Amino acid sequence: MTHHSKRYVALKVMYFGQRFYGFASEAQMDPTVEAMENAGKKFLGEHDFRNFCKMDAANVHNYRRRITQFEISSSNMSFEGGQLCAIKVKGSAFLWHQVRCMVAVLFMIGQGLESVDVIDILLDIEKTPRKPQYAMAPETPLILQSCEFEDVKFICSSDSGQALRIHLENEGRAYQLQSAIFQEAALSCLPLAKDQSLLNDGTIKKVTSHIPLLSRPTEPSYEERRAKLNSRR
């Protein structure tokens, strides 16, 4: 039997967002992105991310993960004056829905609803052993951008690369056409009432006061989940 040395892989994910997904309007873009970047840098390094994931206590017992890169960059696309941006996160592994939870809290910070310091508090499981209840960011803008293997070189033929590029360009044009159709239809819609706003997934809700994360009801801790699982055996 041949034994292969362990391969190390770095996963890079990208999350697209714009004005309706937590980013501010063009006039407020700089302070919004700056606040989110300052908060996001706190994720760098190795931390316990149990408050930034959907916990699977039955199968996952180690919630420490290492983040090696975090950045927010602007895209060359914009919608209705809202600049499209991308949040790039790189790490050796991610927990279940970790990035969507991270982005959800960053959006609250970008909108001025939470302090940058809330990241430190949620990463400190001694102070915060239970995750506050909050909705995850939408899944649609989240993509796995690349997997980087150590000492492995992948080879793609020119024909395959060209076929893939043509496929992606055709798909992109199809979605751009759909986007244009929906934007044209939106022009004939009535504006939102003053007491309404768009949710992260684009649906409408009544504007309500924000409940600080640290004042919200919490989910069971890992230890409480494990105790409940063991009691069933």
Protein backbone atom coordinates (compact mmCIF):
# COMPACT_ATOMS: atom_id res chain seq x y z
CA MET A 1 0.00 0.00 0.00
CA THR A 2 1.34 3.42 -0.93
CA HIS A 3 1.00 6.13 1.71
CA HIS A 4 0.68 9.69 0.50
CA SER A 5 1.72 12.65 2.58
CA LYS A 6 -1.10 14.82 3.85
CA ARG A 7 -2.20 17.50 1.41
CA TYR A 8 -3.01 20.92 2.77
CA VAL A 9 -5.71 22.91 1.06
CA ALA A 10 -6.68 26.55 1.40
CA LEU A 11 -10.26 27.43 0.53
CA LYS A 12 -11.12 30.87 -0.79
CA VAL A 13 -14.74 32.00 -0.84
CA MET A 14 -16.31 35.19 -2.13
CA TYR A 15 -19.52 36.87 -1.00
CA PHE A 16 -21.07 39.51 -3.21
CA GLY A 17 -23.10 42.30 -1.66
CA GLN A 18 -24.60 45.61 -2.60
CA ARG A 19 -26.83 48.27 -1.14
CA PHE A 20 -29.78 45.94 -0.47
CA TYR A 21 -27.49 43.32 1.04
CA GLY A 22 -26.20 45.49 3.87
CA PHE A 23 -24.03 47.95 1.93
CA ALA A 24 -24.87 51.62 2.01
CA SER A 25 -25.69 53.90 -0.90
CA GLU A 26 -22.84 55.29 -2.99
CA ALA A 27 -22.59 58.42 -0.81
CA GLN A 28 -22.12 56.28 2.32
CA MET A 29 -20.01 53.52 0.76
CA ASP A 30 -16.61 54.50 2.16
CA PRO A 31 -17.54 54.59 5.88
CA THR A 32 -19.67 51.46 5.48
CA VAL A 33 -16.90 49.42 3.88
CA GLU A 34 -14.31 50.81 6.29
CA ALA A 35 -16.35 49.69 9.31
CA MET A 36 -16.88 46.23 7.82
CA GLU A 37 -13.20 45.87 6.91
CA ASN A 38 -12.09 46.88 10.40
CA ALA A 39 -14.47 44.33 11.87
CA GLY A 40 -13.56 41.64 9.35
CA LYS A 41 -9.85 41.91 10.13
CA LYS A 42 -10.68 40.64 13.61
CA PHE A 43 -11.48 37.26 12.06
CA LEU A 44 -7.88 36.83 10.92
CA GLY A 45 -5.95 34.13 12.72
CA GLU A 46 -7.23 31.08 14.58
CA HIS A 47 -10.42 31.50 16.61
CA ASP A 48 -13.36 29.53 17.91
CA PHE A 49 -16.19 30.29 15.47
CA ARG A 50 -19.03 28.50 17.24
CA ASN A 51 -20.95 31.81 17.41
CA PHE A 52 -20.50 32.27 13.67
CA CYS A 53 -21.91 29.01 12.31
CA LYS A 54 -24.80 26.58 12.41
CA MET A 55 -23.66 24.20 15.10
CA ASP A 56 -23.61 20.46 14.43
CA ALA A 57 -22.83 19.21 17.91
CA ALA A 58 -23.42 15.58 16.94
CA ASN A 59 -20.60 15.49 14.40
CA VAL A 60 -18.35 18.52 14.98
CA HIS A 61 -16.44 18.87 18.24
CA ASN A 62 -13.75 21.37 17.28
CA TYR A 63 -14.93 24.83 16.25
CA ARG A 64 -11.53 26.43 15.91
CA ARG A 65 -10.76 27.56 12.36
CA ARG A 66 -7.98 29.67 10.86
CA ILE A 67 -8.72 32.63 8.58
CA THR A 68 -5.69 33.78 6.58
CA GLN A 69 -7.20 36.47 4.36
CA PHE A 70 -10.08 38.95 4.57
CA GLU A 71 -10.72 41.82 2.20
CA ILE A 72 -13.54 43.81 0.65
CA SER A 73 -13.12 44.93 -2.94
CA SER A 74 -15.34 46.90 -5.32
CA SER A 75 -16.68 45.35 -8.49
CA ASN A 76 -17.03 47.20 -11.79
CA MET A 77 -20.79 46.71 -11.60
CA SER A 78 -23.41 48.75 -9.78
CA PHE A 79 -27.18 48.63 -9.43
CA GLU A 80 -29.38 51.71 -8.98
CA GLY A 81 -26.47 53.68 -7.57
CA GLY A 82 -25.43 50.89 -5.19
CA GLN A 83 -21.85 49.73 -5.75
CA LEU A 84 -21.44 45.97 -5.96
CA CYS A 85 -18.68 44.74 -3.65
CA ALA A 86 -17.13 41.38 -2.86
CA ILE A 87 -16.04 40.07 0.52
CA LYS A 88 -13.16 37.62 0.08
CA VAL A 89 -12.34 35.17 2.87
CA LYS A 90 -9.57 32.57 2.79
CA GLY A 91 -9.02 29.83 5.31
CA SER A 92 -7.98 26.22 5.75
CA ALA A 93 -11.54 25.08 6.45
CA PHE A 94 -14.96 26.48 7.25
CA LEU A 95 -17.77 25.42 9.53
CA TRP A 96 -21.36 24.89 8.41
CA HIS A 97 -22.71 28.30 7.27
CA GLN A 98 -19.70 30.03 8.86
CA VAL A 99 -19.23 32.63 6.12
CA ARG A 100 -22.93 33.48 5.94
CA CYS A 101 -22.97 34.08 9.70
CA MET A 102 -19.80 36.16 9.56
CA VAL A 103 -21.24 38.30 6.77
CA ALA A 104 -24.58 38.73 8.56
CA VAL A 105 -22.85 40.31 11.57
CA LEU A 106 -20.61 42.41 9.30
CA PHE A 107 -23.71 43.78 7.58
CA MET A 108 -25.10 44.89 10.97
CA ILE A 109 -21.81 46.65 11.67
CA GLY A 110 -21.75 48.26 8.23
CA GLN A 111 -25.23 49.65 8.80
CA GLY A 112 -24.18 51.10 12.14
CA LEU A 113 -26.44 48.74 14.09
CA GLU A 114 -23.59 47.01 15.93
CA SER A 115 -20.15 48.04 17.16
CA VAL A 116 -16.97 46.65 15.62
CA ASP A 117 -16.14 45.31 19.09
CA VAL A 118 -19.02 42.82 18.93
CA ILE A 119 -16.75 40.56 16.84
CA ASP A 120 -14.27 40.26 19.72
CA ILE A 121 -17.07 39.49 22.15
CA LEU A 122 -18.62 36.77 19.97
CA LEU A 123 -15.21 35.18 19.34
CA ASP A 124 -14.62 34.98 23.12
CA ILE A 125 -16.51 31.81 24.06
CA GLU A 126 -15.73 32.34 27.73
CA LYS A 127 -17.74 35.57 27.69
CA THR A 128 -20.23 34.40 25.09
CA PRO A 129 -20.69 30.60 25.24
CA ARG A 130 -24.09 30.79 23.54
CA LYS A 131 -24.70 32.18 20.06
CA PRO A 132 -27.22 35.05 19.89
CA GLN A 133 -30.11 34.36 17.54
CA TYR A 134 -29.72 36.16 14.21
CA ALA A 135 -30.54 35.48 10.57
CA MET A 136 -27.77 34.35 8.26
CA ALA A 137 -26.86 36.34 5.16
CA PRO A 138 -28.48 35.02 1.95
CA GLU A 139 -26.82 32.06 0.27
CA THR A 140 -27.12 33.25 -3.35
CA PRO A 141 -24.09 35.64 -3.40
CA LEU A 142 -21.78 33.08 -1.76
CA ILE A 143 -19.41 31.18 -4.04
CA LEU A 144 -16.37 28.96 -3.59
CA GLN A 145 -13.79 30.83 -5.63
CA SER A 146 -10.84 28.45 -5.45
CA CYS A 147 -9.16 25.57 -3.66
CA GLU A 148 -5.39 25.89 -3.34
CA PHE A 149 -3.58 22.59 -2.77
CA GLU A 150 0.00 22.41 -1.52
CA ASP A 151 2.46 20.96 -4.04
CA VAL A 152 -0.28 20.10 -6.54
CA LYS A 153 -0.48 21.54 -10.04
CA PHE A 154 -3.70 21.12 -12.01
CA ILE A 155 -3.53 21.08 -15.79
CA CYS A 156 -6.42 22.26 -17.97
CA SER A 157 -6.30 21.83 -21.74
CA SER A 158 -6.78 24.91 -23.91
CA ASP A 159 -9.94 23.40 -25.47
CA SER A 160 -11.49 22.74 -22.06
CA GLY A 161 -10.57 26.22 -20.83
CA GLN A 162 -12.09 27.85 -23.89
CA ALA A 163 -15.27 25.76 -23.65
CA LEU A 164 -15.68 26.71 -20.00
CA ARG A 165 -15.16 30.41 -20.73
CA ILE A 166 -17.76 30.34 -23.54
CA HIS A 167 -20.23 28.57 -21.24
CA LEU A 168 -19.74 31.10 -18.44
CA GLU A 169 -20.05 34.06 -20.83
CA ASN A 170 -23.29 32.66 -22.25
CA GLU A 171 -24.68 32.10 -18.76
CA GLY A 172 -23.63 35.63 -17.76
CA ARG A 173 -25.39 37.19 -20.75
CA ALA A 174 -28.56 35.24 -19.98
CA TYR A 175 -28.63 36.51 -16.39
CA GLN A 176 -27.81 40.06 -17.50
CA LEU A 177 -30.82 39.93 -19.79
CA GLN A 178 -33.03 38.73 -16.94
CA SER A 179 -31.62 41.48 -14.72
CA ALA A 180 -32.45 44.12 -17.33
CA ILE A 181 -36.01 42.80 -17.61
CA PHE A 182 -36.57 42.90 -13.85
CA GLN A 183 -35.01 46.35 -13.50
CA GLU A 184 -37.29 47.65 -16.25
CA ALA A 185 -40.29 46.13 -14.49
CA ALA A 186 -39.20 47.68 -11.20
CA LEU A 187 -39.39 51.16 -12.72
CA SER A 188 -43.18 50.84 -12.95
CA CYS A 189 -43.57 49.76 -9.33
CA LEU A 190 -44.72 52.08 -6.59
CA PRO A 191 -42.00 53.21 -4.14
CA LEU A 192 -41.79 51.60 -0.72
CA ALA A 193 -43.66 53.25 2.10
CA LYS A 194 -41.57 55.10 4.67
CA ASP A 195 -42.16 52.36 7.25
CA GLN A 196 -40.95 49.58 4.96
CA SER A 197 -37.50 48.32 3.99
CA LEU A 198 -35.92 45.53 1.94
CA LEU A 199 -34.57 42.47 3.73
CA ASN A 200 -31.23 40.88 2.80
CA ASP A 201 -33.04 38.55 0.41
CA GLY A 202 -34.99 41.41 -1.20
CA THR A 203 -38.32 40.79 0.52
CA ILE A 204 -40.23 43.59 2.24
CA LYS A 205 -40.72 44.02 5.96
CA LYS A 206 -41.88 46.73 8.29
CA VAL A 207 -39.05 48.79 9.74
CA THR A 208 -38.53 47.78 13.36
CA SER A 209 -36.00 48.78 15.97
CA HIS A 210 -32.78 46.77 15.98
CA ILE A 211 -32.25 44.49 18.97
CA PRO A 212 -28.54 44.42 19.88
CA LEU A 213 -26.97 41.02 19.37
CA LEU A 214 -25.86 40.73 22.98
CA SER A 215 -29.41 41.43 24.18
CA ARG A 216 -31.06 38.74 22.08
CA PRO A 217 -32.18 35.26 23.08
CA THR A 218 -29.42 32.71 22.59
CA GLU A 219 -29.10 29.22 21.18
CA PRO A 220 -28.00 26.33 23.43
CA SER A 221 -24.26 26.10 24.03
CA TYR A 222 -22.18 23.24 22.64
CA GLU A 223 -22.07 21.60 26.07
CA GLU A 224 -25.84 21.85 26.45
CA ARG A 225 -26.36 20.33 23.00
CA ARG A 226 -24.01 17.46 23.79
CA ALA A 227 -25.74 16.80 27.11
CA LYS A 228 -29.10 16.62 25.33
CA LEU A 229 -27.70 14.25 22.71
CA ASN A 230 -26.18 11.99 25.39
CA SER A 231 -29.45 11.89 27.34
CA ARG A 232 -31.16 10.28 24.34
CA ARG A 233 -28.76 7.35 24.25
